[in-house]
Amino acid sequence: MPLTNLKATETYFRDRETVIELTQKLVRIESVYRENDPTGNEEEVANFVAQYLGDIGIETYVEEVVPGRPNVIGIIDSGKPGKTLLFEGHTDVVTEGNREAWKYDPFAAEIVDGRMYGRGTNDTKGNLACMITACQSLLLDKEEFTGKIILCIPCDEEGLMLGIKHFIKNGWADNVDGAIICEPEENQVCIAQRGAIRLRVDIYGKMAHGAISWSGINPNWRMARFIVEIEKLEKEEKARLGRDPLLNWPSITPTILRAPVKGEAQINVIPDHCMMTLDIRTVPAQNHDELLGKIDAIITRLKADDPDFKVNLTVLDNRPATATSKDNPVVRATYEAVAEVTGKEPIYNGVPGATDGTFLHVHGIPIVTIGAGDREIPHQINEYVDIEELAETTAIYRLATLKFLAGEDLQ
């Protein structure tokens, strides 16, 4: 339990008003990631954030990742030797979908009955506002700390994560001692993330009349055999690994299935080409190379049984699962901050999907994921965040920073 009620302080109420207003301003800028628009739409919100950071006295850099899609980096250097803490929160959001299906305008950031509605309120402009407000609060109160704070505000988290890759490539993540990934997790302390492998499977045949099937080679039969074998592999992996206490089960999920891949489908025509995508989600106990090897072995067996089995397997994405020890300083600082701000015992959990933090983890940085927002709400119509949770998250980020950069070794 906290020694003092942090939610009753002047700082808490000041920061509450700031984070609500900043979240509204961010949500009202339509920085929607669209798959068919490679230029994205983050430039306006990135420019706004860069201006905001500069206005509150934070050293700010803007780096274009691809045309129209910049990263924003903020640096707060105490001038004293110490550790470096990184906050990460992305600027892009997914499409709003059918606007007519929304109860409230998806880009108006309306507050109704204690909730703010809009695309990005939950994932993750609300949490982006929390991390900026927390740092602004430290500066306003002239809080003493050692080391450095880096604000990583990348583009393209909802796509191929080009922004965080560019951030790391340009050296910004070097010598970082811990990172807080600002995503909607109901302020649970998430110390693990499922990994992701995205595969495209192309199987080729010979086009023919459906009534004269012997004159063609039907790729659909071969894809069906492959899918059956993949389902068996998923069951084997679940039986082998069991249920992860934070991440639940590993999974192999067929998503897109298309035949023919090009041209118009007809009921009396055998297609010459069938395509499928697999969304594979892994747990830390799985080795991605070994799992891909098992899929290759399936293909080898199917080819041995069928000389007409012609397949091409393409790895579209490969992100490992992550796990951070409860004893790591960034986890301990965050856990203690949650306990003091909320007055409750924090909950450890895992992230069901991948985040930009995956690549920071690969770079050797311990990560913890935490933020405001219902875990089930991202990407939904009528997305929302509770405004009191925004205030709570801001206070957690603020206190976690002071604890991590206190100049004391938490290990």
Protein backbone atom coordinates (compact mmCIF):
# COMPACT_ATOMS: atom_id res chain seq x y z
CA MET A 1 0.00 0.00 0.00
CA PRO A 2 1.25 3.53 -0.70
CA LEU A 3 2.47 5.60 2.23
CA THR A 4 0.60 8.60 0.78
CA ASN A 5 -2.38 8.80 -1.53
CA LEU A 6 -0.67 9.81 -4.77
CA LYS A 7 -4.04 10.28 -6.46
CA ALA A 8 -4.88 13.12 -4.04
CA THR A 9 -1.85 15.27 -4.91
CA GLU A 10 -1.85 18.49 -6.91
CA THR A 11 0.57 16.86 -9.36
CA TYR A 12 -1.88 14.04 -10.07
CA PHE A 13 -4.79 16.39 -10.80
CA ARG A 14 -2.62 18.68 -12.94
CA ASP A 15 -1.31 15.75 -14.97
CA ARG A 16 -4.82 14.31 -15.28
CA GLU A 17 -6.06 17.39 -17.07
CA THR A 18 -2.97 17.55 -19.26
CA VAL A 19 -3.14 13.92 -20.40
CA ILE A 20 -6.85 14.12 -21.21
CA GLU A 21 -6.35 17.22 -23.35
CA LEU A 22 -3.25 15.83 -25.08
CA THR A 23 -4.98 12.51 -25.86
CA GLN A 24 -7.86 14.36 -27.46
CA LYS A 25 -5.51 16.40 -29.64
CA LEU A 26 -3.65 13.27 -30.78
CA VAL A 27 -6.80 11.28 -31.54
CA ARG A 28 -8.23 14.12 -33.64
CA ILE A 29 -5.30 13.78 -36.06
CA GLU A 30 -6.20 10.89 -38.39
CA SER A 31 -2.89 9.02 -38.56
CA VAL A 32 -4.41 5.83 -39.96
CA TYR A 33 -2.21 3.02 -41.26
CA ARG A 34 -3.65 1.67 -44.52
CA GLU A 35 -2.14 -1.37 -46.22
CA ASN A 36 -2.72 0.03 -49.70
CA ASP A 37 -1.11 3.37 -48.87
CA PRO A 38 2.65 2.87 -48.46
CA THR A 39 3.11 6.55 -47.54
CA GLY A 40 1.05 6.12 -44.38
CA ASN A 41 -0.45 9.11 -42.63
CA GLU A 42 1.71 9.77 -39.57
CA GLU A 43 3.42 12.98 -40.69
CA GLU A 44 0.85 15.41 -39.27
CA VAL A 45 0.71 13.77 -35.85
CA ALA A 46 4.50 13.38 -35.76
CA ASN A 47 4.96 17.08 -36.47
CA PHE A 48 2.45 17.91 -33.74
CA VAL A 49 4.29 15.70 -31.23
CA ALA A 50 7.68 17.13 -32.17
CA GLN A 51 6.38 20.67 -31.68
CA TYR A 52 4.82 19.73 -28.35
CA LEU A 53 8.02 18.14 -27.06
CA GLY A 54 10.06 21.15 -28.12
CA ASP A 55 7.63 23.53 -26.44
CA ILE A 56 7.98 21.76 -23.07
CA GLY A 57 11.76 21.81 -23.25
CA ILE A 58 12.60 18.33 -24.51
CA GLU A 59 15.44 17.91 -27.01
CA THR A 60 13.67 16.62 -30.11
CA TYR A 61 14.62 14.93 -33.37
CA VAL A 62 12.47 14.00 -36.37
CA GLU A 63 13.72 11.32 -38.76
CA GLU A 64 11.88 10.32 -41.92
CA VAL A 65 11.66 6.54 -42.18
CA VAL A 66 10.00 6.52 -45.61
CA PRO A 67 8.41 9.52 -47.35
CA GLY A 68 5.67 10.97 -45.18
CA ARG A 69 6.33 8.60 -42.28
CA PRO A 70 8.67 10.06 -39.63
CA ASN A 71 9.86 8.92 -36.24
CA VAL A 72 10.04 11.40 -33.38
CA ILE A 73 12.72 11.04 -30.70
CA GLY A 74 12.81 13.02 -27.46
CA ILE A 75 15.81 13.15 -25.11
CA ILE A 76 15.83 14.25 -21.48
CA ASP A 77 19.38 14.12 -20.12
CA SER A 78 19.88 14.73 -16.42
CA GLY A 79 23.53 15.55 -16.99
CA LYS A 80 24.42 12.99 -14.33
CA PRO A 81 25.83 9.53 -15.04
CA GLY A 82 23.31 6.76 -14.72
CA LYS A 83 21.00 4.42 -16.56
CA THR A 84 18.93 5.11 -19.66
CA LEU A 85 15.18 4.45 -19.68
CA LEU A 86 13.26 4.31 -22.94
CA PHE A 87 9.53 4.86 -23.42
CA GLU A 88 7.95 3.66 -26.67
CA GLY A 89 4.56 4.62 -28.07
CA HIS A 90 3.62 4.67 -31.75
CA THR A 91 1.77 7.36 -33.70
CA ASP A 92 -0.20 5.24 -36.19
CA VAL A 93 -3.61 3.67 -35.68
CA VAL A 94 -5.59 1.10 -37.63
CA THR A 95 -8.43 2.09 -39.94
CA GLU A 96 -11.71 3.07 -38.34
CA GLY A 97 -13.59 0.68 -40.62
CA ASN A 98 -17.23 1.58 -41.22
CA ARG A 99 -17.69 5.05 -39.71
CA GLU A 100 -21.45 4.66 -39.75
CA ALA A 101 -21.14 1.75 -37.32
CA TRP A 102 -19.52 3.98 -34.67
CA LYS A 103 -21.73 5.44 -31.97
CA TYR A 104 -19.37 8.43 -31.74
CA ASP A 105 -17.16 10.03 -34.40
CA PRO A 106 -13.97 7.90 -34.40
CA PHE A 107 -11.78 11.00 -34.59
CA ALA A 108 -13.67 13.38 -32.28
CA ALA A 109 -12.33 12.01 -28.96
CA GLU A 110 -15.64 12.62 -27.22
CA ILE A 111 -15.83 12.01 -23.48
CA VAL A 112 -19.04 10.31 -22.36
CA ASP A 113 -19.63 8.92 -18.86
CA GLY A 114 -15.94 8.89 -17.98
CA ARG A 115 -14.77 7.30 -21.23
CA MET A 116 -13.06 8.86 -24.23
CA TYR A 117 -14.14 7.32 -27.53
CA GLY A 118 -12.15 7.26 -30.76
CA ARG A 119 -9.62 5.42 -32.84
CA GLY A 120 -6.35 5.37 -30.94
CA THR A 121 -7.76 6.33 -27.53
CA ASN A 122 -6.86 2.81 -26.41
CA ASP A 123 -4.21 1.73 -28.95
CA THR A 124 -2.15 3.68 -28.30
CA LYS A 125 -2.41 7.46 -28.49
CA GLY A 126 -3.77 7.55 -24.97
CA ASN A 127 -0.63 5.85 -23.71
CA LEU A 128 1.56 8.00 -25.94
CA ALA A 129 -0.02 11.01 -24.20
CA CYS A 130 0.63 9.35 -20.82
CA MET A 131 4.35 8.91 -21.44
CA ILE A 132 4.76 12.47 -22.73
CA THR A 133 2.74 13.92 -19.83
CA ALA A 134 4.72 11.90 -17.30
CA CYS A 135 7.97 13.37 -18.62
CA GLN A 136 6.46 16.86 -18.78
CA SER A 137 5.46 16.43 -15.13
CA LEU A 138 9.00 15.53 -14.10
CA LEU A 139 10.30 18.68 -15.78
CA LEU A 140 7.61 20.93 -14.28
CA ASP A 141 8.34 19.65 -10.78
CA LYS A 142 12.12 19.76 -11.34
CA GLU A 143 12.41 16.18 -10.11
CA GLU A 144 15.93 14.93 -9.45
CA PHE A 145 17.11 11.79 -11.26
CA THR A 146 20.24 10.42 -12.85
CA GLY A 147 20.89 9.18 -16.34
CA LYS A 148 18.67 9.76 -19.35
CA ILE A 149 15.12 9.33 -20.65
CA ILE A 150 14.49 8.58 -24.33
CA LEU A 151 11.04 8.99 -25.84
CA CYS A 152 10.74 6.71 -28.87
CA ILE A 153 7.69 7.69 -30.93
CA PRO A 154 7.82 5.62 -34.13
CA CYS A 155 5.61 5.27 -37.17
CA ASP A 156 4.25 2.03 -38.65
CA GLU A 157 3.75 -0.17 -35.59
CA GLU A 158 0.49 -1.43 -37.11
CA GLY A 159 2.29 -2.46 -40.32
CA LEU A 160 5.76 -3.93 -40.76
CA MET A 161 7.15 -1.96 -37.81
CA LEU A 162 9.43 0.07 -40.06
CA GLY A 163 9.68 2.85 -37.48
CA ILE A 164 11.22 0.86 -34.63
CA LYS A 165 13.57 -0.93 -37.02
CA HIS A 166 14.80 2.46 -38.29
CA PHE A 167 15.13 3.74 -34.71
CA ILE A 168 17.35 0.79 -33.76
CA LYS A 169 19.37 0.90 -37.00
CA ASN A 170 20.21 4.56 -36.40
CA GLY A 171 21.68 3.78 -32.99
CA TRP A 172 19.06 5.34 -30.73
CA ALA A 173 18.52 2.10 -28.83
CA ASP A 174 22.20 1.54 -28.09
CA ASN A 175 23.12 1.57 -24.39
CA VAL A 176 19.48 1.60 -23.22
CA ASP A 177 19.12 -0.20 -19.89
CA GLY A 178 15.38 -0.76 -19.88
CA ALA A 179 12.25 0.05 -21.89
CA ILE A 180 8.60 0.60 -21.04
CA ILE A 181 6.34 -0.26 -23.97
CA CYS A 182 3.21 1.87 -23.78
CA GLU A 183 0.35 -0.33 -24.93
CA PRO A 184 -3.18 -1.00 -23.57
CA GLU A 185 -2.76 -3.66 -20.89
CA GLU A 186 -5.13 -2.47 -18.11
CA ASN A 187 -2.00 -1.40 -16.21
CA GLN A 188 -0.98 -5.00 -15.75
CA VAL A 189 2.77 -5.60 -15.68
CA CYS A 190 3.34 -7.60 -18.86
CA ILE A 191 6.69 -9.37 -18.89
CA ALA A 192 6.22 -11.67 -21.90
CA GLN A 193 4.99 -11.40 -25.49
CA ARG A 194 4.03 -14.04 -27.99
CA GLY A 195 6.24 -14.24 -31.03
CA ALA A 196 4.94 -14.09 -34.60
CA ILE A 197 5.78 -15.87 -37.84
CA ARG A 198 3.77 -14.91 -40.90
CA LEU A 199 4.01 -17.33 -43.83
CA ARG A 200 2.67 -17.30 -47.37
CA VAL A 201 2.11 -20.72 -48.94
CA ASP A 202 1.72 -20.92 -52.73
CA ILE A 203 0.74 -24.24 -54.30
CA TYR A 204 0.71 -24.56 -58.09
CA GLY A 205 -1.30 -26.85 -60.35
CA LYS A 206 -2.67 -26.94 -63.88
CA MET A 207 -5.85 -25.19 -64.96
CA ALA A 208 -8.57 -27.41 -66.45
CA HIS A 209 -12.29 -27.89 -66.88
CA GLY A 210 -13.99 -29.05 -63.68
CA ALA A 211 -15.74 -31.82 -65.63
CA ILE A 212 -12.45 -33.13 -66.99
CA SER A 213 -10.47 -33.09 -63.76
CA TRP A 214 -7.97 -35.71 -64.94
CA SER A 215 -6.62 -33.25 -67.48
CA GLY A 216 -5.54 -30.78 -64.80
CA ILE A 217 -3.67 -30.68 -61.49
CA ASN A 218 -5.83 -29.33 -58.69
CA PRO A 219 -3.81 -27.25 -56.17
CA ASN A 220 -6.78 -27.13 -53.80
CA TRP A 221 -6.48 -30.83 -52.92
CA ARG A 222 -2.82 -30.31 -52.14
CA MET A 223 -3.50 -27.24 -50.05
CA ALA A 224 -6.14 -29.18 -48.12
CA ARG A 225 -3.60 -31.90 -47.29
CA PHE A 226 -1.13 -29.25 -46.15
CA ILE A 227 -3.73 -27.58 -43.90
CA VAL A 228 -4.59 -30.91 -42.27
CA GLU A 229 -0.91 -31.52 -41.52
CA ILE A 230 -0.50 -27.99 -40.14
CA GLU A 231 -3.44 -28.54 -37.79
CA LYS A 232 -1.75 -31.73 -36.55
CA LEU A 233 1.46 -29.76 -35.96
CA GLU A 234 -0.41 -27.16 -33.90
CA LYS A 235 -1.91 -29.89 -31.71
CA GLU A 236 1.53 -31.50 -31.29
CA GLU A 237 3.08 -28.18 -30.22
CA LYS A 238 0.29 -27.57 -27.71
CA ALA A 239 0.72 -31.06 -26.26
CA ARG A 240 4.51 -30.70 -26.15
CA LEU A 241 4.61 -27.25 -24.54
CA GLY A 242 1.44 -27.05 -22.51
CA ARG A 243 -0.23 -23.78 -21.60
CA ASP A 244 2.09 -20.87 -20.93
CA PRO A 245 1.06 -19.20 -17.64
CA LEU A 246 1.15 -15.71 -19.19
CA LEU A 247 0.59 -16.26 -22.90
CA ASN A 248 -1.74 -19.26 -23.09
CA TRP A 249 -1.30 -21.59 -26.07
CA PRO A 250 0.96 -21.42 -29.11
CA SER A 251 -1.09 -21.29 -32.29
CA ILE A 252 -0.90 -21.82 -36.06
CA THR A 253 -3.80 -20.09 -37.75
CA PRO A 254 -4.71 -20.21 -41.47
CA THR A 255 -6.05 -16.76 -42.34
CA ILE A 256 -6.26 -15.93 -46.06
CA LEU A 257 -7.16 -18.73 -48.50
CA ARG A 258 -7.48 -17.84 -52.16
CA ALA A 259 -7.88 -19.76 -55.45
CA PRO A 260 -7.30 -18.70 -58.09
CA VAL A 261 -4.82 -16.13 -56.86
CA LYS A 262 -5.33 -13.99 -59.96
CA GLY A 263 -8.37 -13.76 -62.18
CA GLU A 264 -12.01 -14.57 -61.54
CA ALA A 265 -13.00 -17.81 -59.83
CA GLN A 266 -15.49 -20.06 -61.62
CA ILE A 267 -17.29 -23.09 -60.24
CA ASN A 268 -16.46 -25.26 -63.25
CA VAL A 269 -12.77 -24.34 -63.52
CA ILE A 270 -9.84 -25.97 -61.69
CA PRO A 271 -7.48 -23.11 -60.73
CA ASP A 272 -3.80 -23.21 -61.52
CA HIS A 273 -2.71 -21.57 -58.26
CA CYS A 274 -3.84 -21.64 -54.63
CA MET A 275 -2.47 -19.34 -51.91
CA MET A 276 -2.78 -19.35 -48.13
CA THR A 277 -1.31 -17.29 -45.30
CA LEU A 278 -0.47 -18.59 -41.84
CA ASP A 279 -0.40 -16.41 -38.72
CA ILE A 280 1.77 -18.35 -36.28
CA ARG A 281 2.01 -17.17 -32.67
CA THR A 282 4.70 -18.63 -30.45
CA VAL A 283 5.67 -18.76 -26.80
CA PRO A 284 9.21 -18.28 -25.40
CA ALA A 285 9.77 -22.05 -25.13
CA GLN A 286 9.53 -22.42 -28.92
CA ASN A 287 12.48 -22.05 -31.28
CA HIS A 288 11.40 -20.42 -34.54
CA ASP A 289 14.04 -22.15 -36.66
CA GLU A 290 12.98 -25.53 -35.29
CA LEU A 291 9.30 -24.76 -35.91
CA LEU A 292 9.99 -23.69 -39.50
CA GLY A 293 11.99 -26.90 -39.89
CA LYS A 294 8.94 -28.93 -38.87
CA ILE A 295 6.87 -27.15 -41.52
CA ASP A 296 9.56 -27.86 -44.12
CA ALA A 297 9.46 -31.52 -43.09
CA ILE A 298 5.69 -31.60 -43.73
CA ILE A 299 6.26 -30.23 -47.22
CA THR A 300 9.00 -32.79 -47.87
CA ARG A 301 6.66 -35.65 -46.89
CA LEU A 302 3.83 -34.32 -49.06
CA LYS A 303 6.16 -33.97 -52.03
CA ALA A 304 7.39 -37.53 -51.56
CA ASP A 305 3.81 -38.81 -51.71
CA ASP A 306 2.79 -36.67 -54.69
CA PRO A 307 5.11 -35.78 -57.58
CA ASP A 308 2.67 -33.00 -58.61
CA PHE A 309 2.92 -31.26 -55.25
CA LYS A 310 4.59 -27.96 -56.18
CA VAL A 311 4.82 -25.45 -53.35
CA ASN A 312 6.64 -22.24 -52.48
CA LEU A 313 6.93 -21.13 -48.85
CA THR A 314 7.68 -17.44 -48.11
CA VAL A 315 8.47 -16.06 -44.65
CA LEU A 316 6.82 -12.63 -44.52
CA ASP A 317 7.66 -11.83 -40.91
CA ASN A 318 9.57 -13.48 -38.09
CA ARG A 319 9.46 -11.97 -34.60
CA PRO A 320 10.55 -14.02 -31.59
CA ALA A 321 8.62 -14.30 -28.35
CA THR A 322 9.98 -12.26 -25.46
CA ALA A 323 10.34 -12.80 -21.73
CA THR A 324 11.77 -10.51 -19.04
CA SER A 325 12.58 -11.61 -15.49
CA LYS A 326 10.47 -10.29 -12.63
CA ASP A 327 13.77 -9.35 -10.96
CA ASN A 328 14.89 -7.09 -13.80
CA PRO A 329 15.20 -3.45 -12.63
CA VAL A 330 12.74 -2.07 -15.20
CA VAL A 331 10.14 -4.67 -14.18
CA ARG A 332 10.71 -4.05 -10.47
CA ALA A 333 10.47 -0.27 -10.88
CA THR A 334 7.23 -0.63 -12.82
CA TYR A 335 5.76 -3.16 -10.39
CA GLU A 336 6.52 -0.94 -7.40
CA ALA A 337 5.07 2.11 -9.20
CA VAL A 338 1.81 0.29 -9.94
CA ALA A 339 1.54 -0.82 -6.31
CA GLU A 340 2.10 2.68 -4.94
CA VAL A 341 -0.19 4.48 -7.40
CA THR A 342 -3.10 2.03 -7.26
CA GLY A 343 -2.75 0.78 -3.70
CA LYS A 344 -3.26 -2.75 -5.04
CA GLU A 345 -1.03 -5.72 -5.69
CA PRO A 346 0.02 -5.52 -9.37
CA ILE A 347 -0.90 -8.30 -11.78
CA TYR A 348 1.76 -9.94 -13.95
CA ASN A 349 0.61 -10.86 -17.44
CA GLY A 350 1.74 -11.34 -21.04
CA VAL A 351 0.97 -9.61 -24.33
CA PRO A 352 -1.00 -11.86 -26.73
CA GLY A 353 0.46 -10.14 -29.81
CA ALA A 354 3.75 -8.62 -30.82
CA THR A 355 4.73 -4.97 -30.25
CA ASP A 356 7.59 -2.69 -31.22
CA GLY A 357 9.14 -3.95 -28.01
CA THR A 358 9.91 -7.23 -29.76
CA PHE A 359 12.70 -5.59 -31.72
CA LEU A 360 14.05 -3.75 -28.68
CA HIS A 361 14.19 -7.13 -26.93
CA VAL A 362 16.13 -8.61 -29.85
CA HIS A 363 18.51 -5.65 -29.54
CA GLY A 364 19.21 -6.75 -25.97
CA ILE A 365 17.00 -4.32 -24.04
CA PRO A 366 14.86 -5.62 -21.15
CA ILE A 367 11.24 -4.60 -21.78
CA VAL A 368 8.03 -4.36 -19.80
CA THR A 369 4.68 -3.57 -21.43
CA ILE A 370 2.06 -1.60 -19.54
CA GLY A 371 -0.57 1.02 -20.24
CA ALA A 372 -4.15 2.23 -19.98
CA GLY A 373 -6.98 0.53 -21.81
CA ASP A 374 -8.97 -2.69 -21.91
CA ARG A 375 -6.84 -5.42 -23.51
CA GLU A 376 -9.78 -6.59 -25.65
CA ILE A 377 -10.66 -3.20 -27.15
CA PRO A 378 -7.81 -2.44 -29.65
CA HIS A 379 -8.92 -2.28 -33.31
CA GLN A 380 -12.62 -2.51 -32.43
CA ILE A 381 -15.46 -0.20 -33.42
CA ASN A 382 -16.27 2.23 -30.57
CA GLU A 383 -12.73 1.96 -29.20
CA TYR A 384 -12.43 3.79 -25.88
CA VAL A 385 -10.29 4.40 -22.83
CA ASP A 386 -11.34 5.31 -19.29
CA ILE A 387 -10.04 8.79 -18.56
CA GLU A 388 -9.24 7.92 -14.94
CA GLU A 389 -7.04 5.11 -16.22
CA LEU A 390 -5.14 7.64 -18.35
CA ALA A 391 -4.42 9.64 -15.21
CA GLU A 392 -3.39 6.52 -13.32
CA THR A 393 -1.07 5.38 -16.11
CA THR A 394 0.59 8.80 -16.26
CA ALA A 395 1.33 8.58 -12.54
CA ILE A 396 2.68 5.04 -12.95
CA TYR A 397 5.03 6.07 -15.77
CA ARG A 398 6.19 9.08 -13.75
CA LEU A 399 6.95 7.08 -10.61
CA ALA A 400 8.51 4.15 -12.50
CA THR A 401 10.91 6.61 -14.13
CA LEU A 402 12.00 8.04 -10.79
CA LYS A 403 12.46 4.58 -9.32
CA PHE A 404 14.44 3.27 -12.30
CA LEU A 405 16.64 6.37 -12.56
CA ALA A 406 17.08 6.87 -8.83
CA GLY A 407 20.77 6.10 -9.07
CA GLU A 408 20.28 2.92 -7.07
CA ASP A 409 20.77 -0.61 -8.36
CA LEU A 410 17.45 -2.38 -8.00
CA GLN A 411 18.97 -5.78 -8.66
